[in-house]
């Protein structure tokens, strides 16, 4: 990629993205903003685990379905991820925190919006 932009509404996530980029020696523009009601002009949009509550899931999925570029969404089997209009393109077993998830690993799917 020639340029990468990360966005989040949570200032802690923004700080974490900046720190991660610095630790890995990559250039990354990070913005604290909510873009879910916008149409963005990007070739690839990556969405990670945002369907953990219904109001947010509805906004995220509507955003993903109306974009023109390639949209990839990662989902670890959340109850509010509606895969209609998406195709599963990959799957992974991901280590997780037993305190939060009640298990050591979780099956995660990567989906592409059609």
N, C-alpha and C. Protein backbone atom coordinates (compact mmCIF):
# COMPACT_ATOMS: atom_id res chain seq x y z
N UNK A 1 0.84 -1.19 0.00
CA UNK A 1 0.00 0.00 0.00
C UNK A 1 0.88 1.25 0.00
N UNK A 2 0.47 2.22 -0.75
CA UNK A 2 1.18 3.50 -0.74
C UNK A 2 0.85 4.31 0.49
N UNK A 3 -0.38 4.16 0.98
CA UNK A 3 -0.80 4.90 2.16
C UNK A 3 -1.83 4.08 2.92
N UNK A 4 -1.78 4.18 4.25
CA UNK A 4 -2.73 3.48 5.11
C UNK A 4 -3.27 4.48 6.11
N UNK A 5 -4.59 4.47 6.29
CA UNK A 5 -5.26 5.33 7.25
C UNK A 5 -6.04 4.45 8.21
N UNK A 6 -5.84 4.63 9.50
CA UNK A 6 -6.59 3.91 10.52
C UNK A 6 -7.52 4.90 11.21
N UNK A 7 -8.74 4.47 11.48
CA UNK A 7 -9.68 5.34 12.19
C UNK A 7 -10.32 4.57 13.33
N UNK A 8 -10.63 5.31 14.39
CA UNK A 8 -11.36 4.75 15.53
C UNK A 8 -11.93 5.91 16.32
N UNK A 9 -13.02 5.67 17.01
CA UNK A 9 -13.62 6.71 17.85
C UNK A 9 -12.99 6.74 19.24
N UNK A 10 -12.34 5.67 19.63
CA UNK A 10 -11.76 5.54 20.97
C UNK A 10 -10.34 6.10 20.99
N UNK A 11 -10.07 7.09 21.82
CA UNK A 11 -8.72 7.66 21.86
C UNK A 11 -7.66 6.65 22.27
N UNK A 12 -8.02 5.65 23.06
CA UNK A 12 -7.06 4.61 23.43
C UNK A 12 -6.68 3.76 22.23
N UNK A 13 -7.64 3.47 21.37
CA UNK A 13 -7.35 2.70 20.16
C UNK A 13 -6.47 3.50 19.21
N UNK A 14 -6.71 4.79 19.12
CA UNK A 14 -5.89 5.67 18.29
C UNK A 14 -4.45 5.68 18.80
N UNK A 15 -4.28 5.81 20.11
CA UNK A 15 -2.94 5.80 20.70
C UNK A 15 -2.26 4.44 20.47
N UNK A 16 -3.02 3.36 20.60
CA UNK A 16 -2.46 2.01 20.39
C UNK A 16 -2.03 1.83 18.93
N UNK A 17 -2.82 2.33 17.99
CA UNK A 17 -2.46 2.21 16.57
C UNK A 17 -1.18 2.97 16.27
N UNK A 18 -1.06 4.16 16.82
CA UNK A 18 0.16 4.96 16.62
C UNK A 18 1.37 4.25 17.23
N UNK A 19 1.22 3.72 18.43
CA UNK A 19 2.32 3.02 19.10
C UNK A 19 2.72 1.77 18.33
N UNK A 20 1.74 1.02 17.85
CA UNK A 20 2.01 -0.20 17.10
C UNK A 20 2.76 0.13 15.81
N UNK A 21 2.33 1.17 15.11
CA UNK A 21 3.01 1.58 13.87
C UNK A 21 4.46 1.96 14.16
N UNK A 22 4.67 2.71 15.23
CA UNK A 22 6.03 3.13 15.59
C UNK A 22 6.90 1.92 15.93
N UNK A 23 6.36 0.99 16.70
CA UNK A 23 7.12 -0.21 17.07
C UNK A 23 7.50 -1.06 15.86
N UNK A 24 6.65 -1.03 14.84
CA UNK A 24 6.89 -1.83 13.64
C UNK A 24 7.55 -1.05 12.51
N UNK A 25 7.86 0.23 12.75
CA UNK A 25 8.56 1.03 11.77
C UNK A 25 7.77 1.28 10.49
N UNK A 26 6.45 1.41 10.62
CA UNK A 26 5.63 1.67 9.43
C UNK A 26 4.98 3.04 9.53
N UNK A 27 4.69 3.60 8.38
CA UNK A 27 4.02 4.89 8.32
C UNK A 27 2.52 4.64 8.26
N UNK A 28 1.81 5.28 9.15
CA UNK A 28 0.37 5.08 9.28
C UNK A 28 -0.27 6.38 9.72
N UNK A 29 -1.24 6.85 8.97
CA UNK A 29 -2.02 8.01 9.41
C UNK A 29 -3.14 7.49 10.30
N UNK A 30 -3.28 8.08 11.47
CA UNK A 30 -4.32 7.64 12.40
C UNK A 30 -5.24 8.81 12.70
N UNK A 31 -6.54 8.56 12.59
CA UNK A 31 -7.54 9.60 12.82
C UNK A 31 -8.54 9.14 13.86
N UNK A 32 -8.88 10.04 14.78
CA UNK A 32 -9.95 9.74 15.73
C UNK A 32 -11.23 10.35 15.17
N UNK A 33 -12.07 9.47 14.59
CA UNK A 33 -13.32 9.94 14.01
C UNK A 33 -14.24 8.77 13.73
N UNK A 34 -15.51 9.07 13.57
CA UNK A 34 -16.52 8.07 13.24
C UNK A 34 -16.86 8.27 11.77
N UNK A 35 -16.51 7.30 10.93
CA UNK A 35 -16.78 7.43 9.50
C UNK A 35 -17.89 6.49 9.01
N UNK A 36 -18.61 5.87 9.93
CA UNK A 36 -19.58 4.86 9.52
C UNK A 36 -20.78 5.40 8.75
N UNK A 37 -21.03 6.70 8.82
CA UNK A 37 -22.12 7.28 8.04
C UNK A 37 -21.63 7.88 6.72
N UNK A 38 -20.34 7.67 6.42
CA UNK A 38 -19.75 8.22 5.21
C UNK A 38 -19.54 7.15 4.15
N UNK A 39 -19.33 7.61 2.93
CA UNK A 39 -18.83 6.75 1.86
C UNK A 39 -17.39 7.19 1.66
N UNK A 40 -16.47 6.24 1.70
CA UNK A 40 -15.06 6.58 1.58
C UNK A 40 -14.53 6.10 0.24
N UNK A 41 -13.57 6.83 -0.27
CA UNK A 41 -12.98 6.51 -1.56
C UNK A 41 -11.64 5.83 -1.33
N UNK A 42 -11.68 4.55 -0.98
CA UNK A 42 -10.47 3.77 -0.71
C UNK A 42 -10.53 2.47 -1.49
N UNK A 43 -9.37 1.97 -1.90
CA UNK A 43 -9.32 0.70 -2.64
C UNK A 43 -9.67 -0.48 -1.75
N UNK A 44 -9.16 -0.46 -0.51
CA UNK A 44 -9.39 -1.57 0.43
C UNK A 44 -9.76 -0.98 1.79
N UNK A 45 -10.80 -1.54 2.39
CA UNK A 45 -11.24 -1.15 3.73
C UNK A 45 -11.22 -2.42 4.58
N UNK A 46 -10.59 -2.34 5.74
CA UNK A 46 -10.50 -3.49 6.64
C UNK A 46 -11.23 -3.14 7.93
N UNK A 47 -12.14 -4.01 8.33
CA UNK A 47 -12.95 -3.81 9.52
C UNK A 47 -12.68 -4.97 10.47
N UNK A 48 -12.38 -4.66 11.73
CA UNK A 48 -12.05 -5.73 12.67
C UNK A 48 -13.00 -5.82 13.84
N UNK A 49 -13.66 -6.95 14.00
CA UNK A 49 -14.46 -7.31 15.18
C UNK A 49 -15.29 -6.15 15.73
N UNK A 50 -16.21 -5.65 14.94
CA UNK A 50 -17.04 -4.53 15.38
C UNK A 50 -18.52 -4.90 15.53
N UNK A 51 -18.86 -6.17 15.52
CA UNK A 51 -20.27 -6.55 15.58
C UNK A 51 -20.64 -7.15 16.94
N UNK A 52 -20.08 -6.60 18.00
CA UNK A 52 -20.31 -7.12 19.34
C UNK A 52 -21.56 -6.58 20.00
N UNK A 53 -22.19 -5.55 19.44
CA UNK A 53 -23.48 -5.07 19.94
C UNK A 53 -24.32 -4.64 18.74
N UNK A 54 -25.64 -4.81 18.84
CA UNK A 54 -26.53 -4.63 17.70
C UNK A 54 -26.48 -3.23 17.07
N UNK A 55 -26.59 -2.15 17.82
CA UNK A 55 -26.59 -0.84 17.16
C UNK A 55 -25.32 -0.59 16.33
N UNK A 56 -24.17 -0.93 16.88
CA UNK A 56 -22.92 -0.74 16.15
C UNK A 56 -22.84 -1.69 14.96
N UNK A 57 -23.23 -2.94 15.15
CA UNK A 57 -23.19 -3.92 14.05
C UNK A 57 -24.04 -3.45 12.88
N UNK A 58 -25.21 -2.92 13.14
CA UNK A 58 -26.07 -2.43 12.05
C UNK A 58 -25.38 -1.33 11.25
N UNK A 59 -24.74 -0.40 11.94
CA UNK A 59 -24.04 0.69 11.27
C UNK A 59 -22.84 0.19 10.49
N UNK A 60 -22.06 -0.71 11.10
CA UNK A 60 -20.85 -1.24 10.46
C UNK A 60 -21.21 -2.01 9.19
N UNK A 61 -22.20 -2.88 9.27
CA UNK A 61 -22.57 -3.70 8.12
C UNK A 61 -23.16 -2.85 7.00
N UNK A 62 -23.96 -1.85 7.34
CA UNK A 62 -24.50 -0.94 6.32
C UNK A 62 -23.36 -0.18 5.64
N UNK A 63 -22.39 0.29 6.43
CA UNK A 63 -21.22 0.97 5.89
C UNK A 63 -20.48 0.05 4.92
N UNK A 64 -20.20 -1.17 5.34
CA UNK A 64 -19.44 -2.12 4.53
C UNK A 64 -20.14 -2.42 3.21
N UNK A 65 -21.44 -2.60 3.25
CA UNK A 65 -22.19 -3.00 2.05
C UNK A 65 -22.30 -1.89 1.01
N UNK A 66 -22.18 -0.64 1.41
CA UNK A 66 -22.34 0.44 0.43
C UNK A 66 -21.03 0.99 -0.13
N UNK A 67 -19.89 0.51 0.34
CA UNK A 67 -18.61 1.02 -0.16
C UNK A 67 -18.31 0.44 -1.54
N UNK A 68 -17.53 1.17 -2.31
CA UNK A 68 -17.19 0.75 -3.68
C UNK A 68 -15.92 -0.08 -3.74
N UNK A 69 -15.00 0.12 -2.82
CA UNK A 69 -13.75 -0.64 -2.81
C UNK A 69 -13.95 -2.02 -2.21
N UNK A 70 -12.87 -2.76 -2.12
CA UNK A 70 -12.90 -4.08 -1.48
C UNK A 70 -13.02 -3.88 0.03
N UNK A 71 -14.01 -4.53 0.64
CA UNK A 71 -14.21 -4.45 2.08
C UNK A 71 -14.00 -5.83 2.68
N UNK A 72 -13.05 -5.92 3.61
CA UNK A 72 -12.79 -7.16 4.34
C UNK A 72 -13.16 -6.93 5.80
N UNK A 73 -13.91 -7.88 6.35
CA UNK A 73 -14.34 -7.78 7.75
C UNK A 73 -13.92 -9.03 8.50
N UNK A 74 -13.29 -8.83 9.65
CA UNK A 74 -12.94 -9.95 10.51
C UNK A 74 -14.00 -10.10 11.57
N UNK A 75 -14.44 -11.34 11.81
CA UNK A 75 -15.46 -11.56 12.83
C UNK A 75 -15.21 -12.89 13.53
N UNK A 76 -15.17 -12.86 14.88
CA UNK A 76 -14.95 -14.08 15.65
C UNK A 76 -16.24 -14.76 16.09
N UNK A 77 -17.25 -14.71 15.24
CA UNK A 77 -18.50 -15.39 15.57
C UNK A 77 -19.42 -14.60 16.47
N UNK A 78 -19.37 -13.29 16.39
CA UNK A 78 -20.26 -12.46 17.21
C UNK A 78 -21.71 -12.66 16.78
N UNK A 79 -22.62 -12.57 17.72
CA UNK A 79 -24.03 -12.82 17.46
C UNK A 79 -24.64 -11.83 16.48
N UNK A 80 -24.09 -10.64 16.37
CA UNK A 80 -24.71 -9.59 15.55
C UNK A 80 -24.07 -9.44 14.17
N UNK A 81 -23.14 -10.34 13.81
CA UNK A 81 -22.57 -10.29 12.47
C UNK A 81 -23.49 -11.03 11.51
N UNK A 82 -24.13 -10.28 10.61
CA UNK A 82 -25.01 -10.85 9.60
C UNK A 82 -24.19 -10.99 8.32
N UNK A 83 -23.87 -12.22 7.95
CA UNK A 83 -22.97 -12.47 6.82
C UNK A 83 -23.65 -12.39 5.47
N UNK A 84 -24.94 -12.05 5.42
CA UNK A 84 -25.57 -11.91 4.11
C UNK A 84 -24.93 -10.75 3.37
N UNK A 85 -24.61 -10.97 2.11
CA UNK A 85 -23.90 -9.97 1.33
C UNK A 85 -22.39 -10.05 1.48
N UNK A 86 -21.91 -11.06 2.21
CA UNK A 86 -20.48 -11.29 2.40
C UNK A 86 -20.15 -12.71 2.01
N UNK A 87 -18.91 -12.93 1.62
CA UNK A 87 -18.43 -14.29 1.40
C UNK A 87 -17.23 -14.52 2.30
N UNK A 88 -17.16 -15.69 2.89
CA UNK A 88 -16.03 -16.04 3.76
C UNK A 88 -14.82 -16.36 2.89
N UNK A 89 -13.70 -15.67 3.12
CA UNK A 89 -12.51 -15.88 2.30
C UNK A 89 -11.36 -16.51 3.06
N UNK A 90 -11.44 -16.54 4.40
CA UNK A 90 -10.37 -17.16 5.20
C UNK A 90 -10.89 -17.44 6.60
N UNK A 91 -10.20 -18.34 7.27
CA UNK A 91 -10.52 -18.64 8.66
C UNK A 91 -9.26 -18.92 9.44
N UNK A 92 -9.25 -18.56 10.71
CA UNK A 92 -8.07 -18.70 11.56
C UNK A 92 -8.49 -19.09 12.97
N UNK A 93 -7.63 -19.81 13.67
CA UNK A 93 -7.76 -20.02 15.10
C UNK A 93 -6.86 -18.98 15.76
N UNK A 94 -7.44 -18.12 16.57
CA UNK A 94 -6.71 -16.99 17.15
C UNK A 94 -6.65 -17.15 18.67
N UNK A 95 -5.47 -16.94 19.24
CA UNK A 95 -5.35 -16.97 20.70
C UNK A 95 -6.15 -15.82 21.29
N UNK A 96 -6.77 -16.08 22.41
CA UNK A 96 -7.57 -15.06 23.07
C UNK A 96 -7.34 -15.12 24.57
N UNK A 97 -7.93 -14.21 25.29
CA UNK A 97 -7.81 -14.17 26.74
C UNK A 97 -8.94 -14.97 27.35
N UNK A 98 -8.60 -15.99 28.08
CA UNK A 98 -9.62 -16.85 28.69
C UNK A 98 -10.53 -16.05 29.63
N UNK A 99 -10.01 -15.02 30.27
CA UNK A 99 -10.82 -14.19 31.15
C UNK A 99 -11.99 -13.54 30.40
N UNK A 100 -11.74 -13.12 29.16
CA UNK A 100 -12.78 -12.45 28.37
C UNK A 100 -13.63 -13.42 27.57
N UNK A 101 -13.00 -14.41 26.99
CA UNK A 101 -13.69 -15.29 26.05
C UNK A 101 -14.06 -16.64 26.65
N UNK A 102 -13.48 -17.01 27.79
CA UNK A 102 -13.78 -18.29 28.40
C UNK A 102 -13.11 -19.46 27.70
N UNK A 103 -12.13 -19.17 26.86
CA UNK A 103 -11.38 -20.21 26.15
C UNK A 103 -10.05 -19.63 25.67
N UNK A 104 -9.14 -20.52 25.30
CA UNK A 104 -7.79 -20.09 24.91
C UNK A 104 -7.71 -19.63 23.46
N UNK A 105 -8.56 -20.19 22.59
CA UNK A 105 -8.57 -19.79 21.17
C UNK A 105 -10.00 -19.59 20.71
N UNK A 106 -10.12 -18.90 19.61
CA UNK A 106 -11.43 -18.63 19.02
C UNK A 106 -11.30 -18.70 17.51
N UNK A 107 -12.29 -19.29 16.85
CA UNK A 107 -12.30 -19.35 15.39
C UNK A 107 -12.75 -17.99 14.85
N UNK A 108 -11.95 -17.44 13.96
CA UNK A 108 -12.23 -16.13 13.38
C UNK A 108 -12.35 -16.27 11.88
N UNK A 109 -13.36 -15.64 11.30
CA UNK A 109 -13.52 -15.64 9.85
C UNK A 109 -13.18 -14.28 9.27
N UNK A 110 -12.69 -14.28 8.06
CA UNK A 110 -12.49 -13.05 7.28
C UNK A 110 -13.48 -13.11 6.13
N UNK A 111 -14.26 -12.04 5.99
CA UNK A 111 -15.34 -11.98 5.00
C UNK A 111 -15.12 -10.81 4.06
N UNK A 112 -15.49 -11.01 2.81
CA UNK A 112 -15.42 -9.94 1.82
C UNK A 112 -16.84 -9.55 1.43
N UNK A 113 -17.12 -8.26 1.48
CA UNK A 113 -18.44 -7.77 1.05
C UNK A 113 -18.58 -7.97 -0.45
N UNK A 114 -19.75 -8.43 -0.87
CA UNK A 114 -20.00 -8.64 -2.31
C UNK A 114 -20.64 -7.43 -2.92
